Amino acid sequence: MRTTIDVNEGLLRRAKELTGAKTMREAVNRSLEETVRHREIQALRGMFGKVRLRWNLKEFLEFRRRG
């Protein structure tokens, strides 16, 4: 999707350095992916101790194998 946005140049430059991106587009996409991943991990951490899993390791591995 094409769009026009006003981006802080220093922040974009730093994002390119940290992500190893070669282009602005790549830096923005990598940064967005990392933000989403980080927030999803935070959400999972917030569930810690609130969800009871009744599977043992063998049952879990069988579930993963079946997809």
Protein backbone atom coordinates (compact mmCIF):
# COMPACT_ATOMS: atom_id res chain seq x y z
CA MET A 1 0.00 0.00 0.00
CA ARG A 2 1.35 3.39 -0.90
CA THR A 3 0.92 6.30 1.47
CA THR A 4 2.62 9.55 2.34
CA ILE A 5 3.69 10.20 5.91
CA ASP A 6 5.89 12.71 7.68
CA VAL A 7 8.61 10.76 9.50
CA ASN A 8 11.25 11.94 11.96
CA GLU A 9 14.45 11.62 9.90
CA GLY A 10 16.70 10.91 12.86
CA LEU A 11 14.39 8.19 14.12
CA LEU A 12 14.17 6.63 10.67
CA ARG A 13 17.95 6.72 10.30
CA ARG A 14 18.33 5.02 13.70
CA ALA A 15 15.72 2.40 12.76
CA LYS A 16 17.66 1.64 9.58
CA GLU A 17 20.84 1.19 11.62
CA LEU A 18 19.22 -1.04 14.24
CA THR A 19 17.31 -3.22 11.79
CA GLY A 20 20.03 -3.41 9.15
CA ALA A 21 17.54 -2.16 6.58
CA LYS A 22 18.90 -0.77 3.33
CA THR A 23 15.87 1.29 2.39
CA MET A 24 13.39 3.50 4.20
CA ARG A 25 10.56 1.17 3.21
CA GLU A 26 12.39 -1.83 4.62
CA ALA A 27 13.13 0.05 7.86
CA VAL A 28 9.49 1.03 8.31
CA ASN A 29 8.24 -2.51 7.58
CA ARG A 30 10.77 -4.12 9.92
CA SER A 31 9.95 -1.60 12.64
CA LEU A 32 6.22 -2.26 12.29
CA GLU A 33 6.79 -6.02 12.40
CA GLU A 34 8.90 -5.66 15.53
CA THR A 35 6.31 -3.45 17.22
CA VAL A 36 3.52 -5.94 16.50
CA ARG A 37 5.65 -8.87 17.68
CA HIS A 38 6.60 -7.03 20.87
CA ARG A 39 2.98 -6.13 21.70
CA GLU A 40 1.83 -9.70 21.04
CA ILE A 41 4.49 -11.02 23.42
CA GLN A 42 3.37 -8.51 26.06
CA ALA A 43 -0.22 -9.70 25.67
CA LEU A 44 0.86 -13.32 26.14
CA ARG A 45 2.86 -12.38 29.22
CA GLY A 46 -0.24 -10.72 30.62
CA MET A 47 -2.05 -14.05 30.37
CA PHE A 48 0.58 -15.85 32.46
CA GLY A 49 -1.13 -17.69 35.29
CA LYS A 50 -4.62 -16.93 33.97
CA VAL A 51 -4.96 -19.81 31.52
CA ARG A 52 -4.88 -23.41 32.65
CA LEU A 53 -3.42 -25.87 30.20
CA ARG A 54 -4.36 -29.45 30.84
CA TRP A 55 -1.90 -30.99 28.41
CA ASN A 56 1.24 -32.84 29.25
CA LEU A 57 4.29 -32.61 27.01
CA LYS A 58 3.39 -35.75 25.05
CA GLU A 59 -0.13 -34.45 24.31
CA PHE A 60 1.20 -31.04 23.32
CA LEU A 61 3.75 -32.49 20.91
CA GLU A 62 1.04 -34.68 19.35
CA PHE A 63 -1.19 -31.62 18.91
CA ARG A 64 1.65 -29.72 17.19
CA ARG A 65 2.43 -32.68 14.95
CA ARG A 66 -1.18 -32.85 13.74
CA GLY A 67 -1.16 -29.12 13.02
